[in-house]
Protein backbone atom coordinates (compact mmCIF):
# COMPACT_ATOMS: atom_id res chain seq x y z
CA MET A 1 33.09 -26.91 75.35
CA GLU A 2 32.72 -26.61 79.13
CA GLN A 3 28.97 -26.08 78.67
CA SER A 4 28.74 -29.36 76.72
CA ILE A 5 30.53 -31.24 79.50
CA GLN A 6 28.44 -29.75 82.31
CA PHE A 7 25.17 -30.33 80.44
CA ALA A 8 26.06 -33.97 79.67
CA LYS A 9 27.12 -34.58 83.30
CA LYS A 10 23.92 -33.07 84.70
CA TYR A 11 21.72 -34.91 82.20
CA LEU A 12 23.28 -38.29 83.05
CA GLU A 13 23.08 -37.60 86.81
CA ASP A 14 19.38 -36.76 86.41
CA LEU A 15 18.83 -39.87 84.29
CA ILE A 16 20.37 -42.30 86.78
CA SER A 17 18.63 -40.59 89.70
CA PHE A 18 15.38 -42.06 88.34
CA PHE A 19 16.81 -45.46 89.29
CA GLY A 20 17.51 -44.32 92.84
CA LEU A 21 21.21 -43.63 92.39
CA ASN A 22 22.29 -40.16 93.44
CA THR A 23 25.99 -39.96 92.78
CA ASP A 24 28.56 -37.53 91.46
CA ILE A 25 29.66 -38.45 87.95
CA THR A 26 33.16 -37.48 86.86
CA ALA A 27 33.37 -35.74 83.51
CA SER A 28 36.33 -34.89 81.28
CA THR A 29 37.21 -34.69 77.60
CA GLU A 30 39.48 -36.75 75.42
CA ASP A 31 41.29 -34.56 72.88
CA ASP A 32 38.41 -32.05 73.10
CA GLU A 33 36.36 -34.42 70.93
CA VAL A 34 34.75 -36.95 73.26
CA ILE A 35 33.10 -36.29 76.61
CA GLU A 36 34.07 -39.00 79.09
CA LEU A 37 31.42 -39.62 81.79
CA ASN A 38 32.31 -42.09 84.53
CA ILE A 39 29.69 -43.41 86.95
CA PRO A 40 31.36 -44.69 90.13
CA SER A 41 30.79 -48.19 91.42
CA SER A 42 27.52 -48.78 93.29
CA GLN A 43 24.99 -51.51 94.09
CA LEU A 44 23.42 -50.84 90.66
CA ASN A 45 26.49 -51.64 88.53
CA GLY A 46 24.95 -54.69 86.88
CA PHE A 47 21.71 -52.87 86.15
CA LEU A 48 23.44 -49.78 84.74
CA ILE A 49 25.81 -51.84 82.57
CA GLY A 50 23.12 -54.21 81.31
CA GLN A 51 23.54 -57.42 79.37
CA ARG A 52 26.76 -57.19 77.31
CA GLY A 53 26.90 -53.43 78.03
CA GLU A 54 23.62 -52.63 76.25
CA THR A 55 22.27 -50.31 78.96
CA VAL A 56 25.46 -48.27 79.23
CA ARG A 57 25.51 -47.92 75.41
CA ALA A 58 21.87 -46.80 75.48
CA MET A 59 22.66 -44.13 78.08
CA GLN A 60 25.59 -43.01 75.95
CA PHE A 61 23.31 -42.76 72.89
CA MET A 62 20.72 -40.75 74.82
CA VAL A 63 23.23 -38.23 76.17
CA SER A 64 24.83 -37.82 72.75
CA ASN A 65 21.45 -37.23 71.08
CA VAL A 66 20.40 -34.65 73.68
CA LEU A 67 23.66 -32.75 73.13
CA ARG A 68 23.22 -32.90 69.35
CA ASN A 69 19.55 -31.83 69.50
CA ASN A 70 20.42 -28.86 71.70
CA GLY A 71 23.22 -27.67 69.41
CA PHE A 72 26.15 -28.21 71.76
CA GLU A 73 29.72 -28.01 70.51
CA ILE A 74 30.76 -31.55 71.52
CA THR A 75 28.28 -34.37 70.90
CA ARG A 76 30.43 -37.53 71.10
CA VAL A 77 30.05 -39.17 74.50
CA ASN A 78 31.56 -42.18 76.23
CA VAL A 79 29.74 -43.40 79.36
CA ASP A 80 31.46 -45.94 81.62
CA VAL A 81 30.15 -47.60 84.78
CA ALA A 82 32.73 -48.63 87.40
CA ASP A 83 35.41 -48.85 84.65
CA TYR A 84 33.47 -51.66 82.94
CA LYS A 85 34.41 -50.52 79.43
CA LYS A 86 38.03 -49.91 80.36
CA ILE A 87 38.42 -53.39 81.87
CA ARG A 88 36.53 -54.97 78.96
CA ALA A 89 38.81 -53.21 76.45
CA GLU A 90 41.90 -54.50 78.28
CA HIS A 91 40.57 -58.09 78.20
CA LEU A 92 39.64 -57.73 74.54
CA ALA A 93 43.12 -56.38 73.73
CA ASP A 94 44.65 -59.46 75.37
CA GLN A 95 42.30 -61.70 73.37
CA ALA A 96 43.17 -59.81 70.17
CA ARG A 97 46.87 -60.47 70.77
CA GLU A 98 46.08 -64.21 71.02
CA TRP A 99 44.03 -64.09 67.80
CA ILE A 100 46.88 -62.27 66.06
CA GLU A 101 49.41 -64.91 67.17
CA THR A 102 47.11 -67.63 65.78
CA PHE A 103 46.69 -65.59 62.60
CA LYS A 104 50.44 -65.14 62.14
CA THR A 105 50.94 -68.89 62.51
CA SER A 106 48.28 -69.73 59.91
CA GLY A 107 49.31 -67.08 57.37
CA THR A 108 45.79 -66.82 55.93
CA ASP A 109 43.06 -64.21 56.37
CA MET A 110 41.16 -64.69 59.62
CA ALA A 111 37.62 -63.44 60.23
CA LEU A 112 36.81 -62.76 63.88
CA GLN A 113 33.41 -63.02 65.55
CA PRO A 114 30.90 -60.16 65.10
CA MET A 115 31.57 -57.22 67.45
CA ASN A 116 30.18 -53.80 68.21
CA ALA A 117 32.02 -50.73 66.90
CA ALA A 118 33.90 -50.04 70.15
CA ASP A 119 35.22 -53.61 70.32
CA ARG A 120 36.23 -53.56 66.64
CA ARG A 121 38.11 -50.30 67.28
CA VAL A 122 40.11 -51.99 70.08
CA VAL A 123 41.04 -54.92 67.82
CA HIS A 124 42.04 -52.62 64.93
CA LYS A 125 44.24 -50.59 67.29
CA VAL A 126 45.98 -53.65 68.75
CA ALA A 127 46.52 -55.14 65.30
CA ALA A 128 47.94 -51.88 63.94
CA GLY A 129 50.34 -51.75 66.88
CA LEU A 130 51.55 -55.25 65.96
CA GLY A 131 51.87 -54.44 62.26
CA VAL A 132 48.85 -56.48 61.13
CA LYS A 133 46.46 -55.15 58.50
CA THR A 134 42.75 -55.32 59.31
CA ALA A 135 39.39 -54.48 57.77
CA SER A 136 35.81 -54.51 58.97
CA ASP A 137 33.39 -56.63 56.99
CA GLY A 138 29.68 -57.43 57.16
CA ASP A 139 26.62 -55.38 58.00
CA GLY A 140 24.74 -54.52 61.17
CA GLN A 141 25.11 -57.03 63.97
CA GLU A 142 27.20 -59.31 61.74
CA ARG A 143 29.99 -56.72 61.27
CA HIS A 144 33.34 -58.17 62.23
CA VAL A 145 37.09 -57.65 61.93
CA VAL A 146 39.15 -59.53 59.36
CA LEU A 147 42.88 -59.96 59.92
CA ILE A 148 44.49 -59.69 56.48
CA ALA A 149 47.53 -61.70 55.41
CA ALA A 150 49.91 -59.40 53.53
């Protein structure tokens, strides 16, 4: 497990050094299943995050694939830049609570806008905590959460 973490950390540090950012990335695990890699804030935050988080997701995909291709024990990776994902998840959770209040008032199923898997996971978690049933529907980029009236 420790080898997986150190390899992922070193790989990501090498990757971002190509963009002129030499920094120490913090690495940890979440329940021994997911490697958490956090890039501290720098002048390249916007570049490393990318439009709607696409660059940070691409880095995450690359690190995960390298771990998988090299046969490491842990291959699930979460990369965050200057707590972007953490802050985004908190804002999305607040928005989900508002959607759920609207949903409870209407009493009918409510389809939300298309979201990536990480955002859908946040909405499902918030809804479950508030006792609301959910499902994911759609394919590809059109996949979205549906709040289900019981």
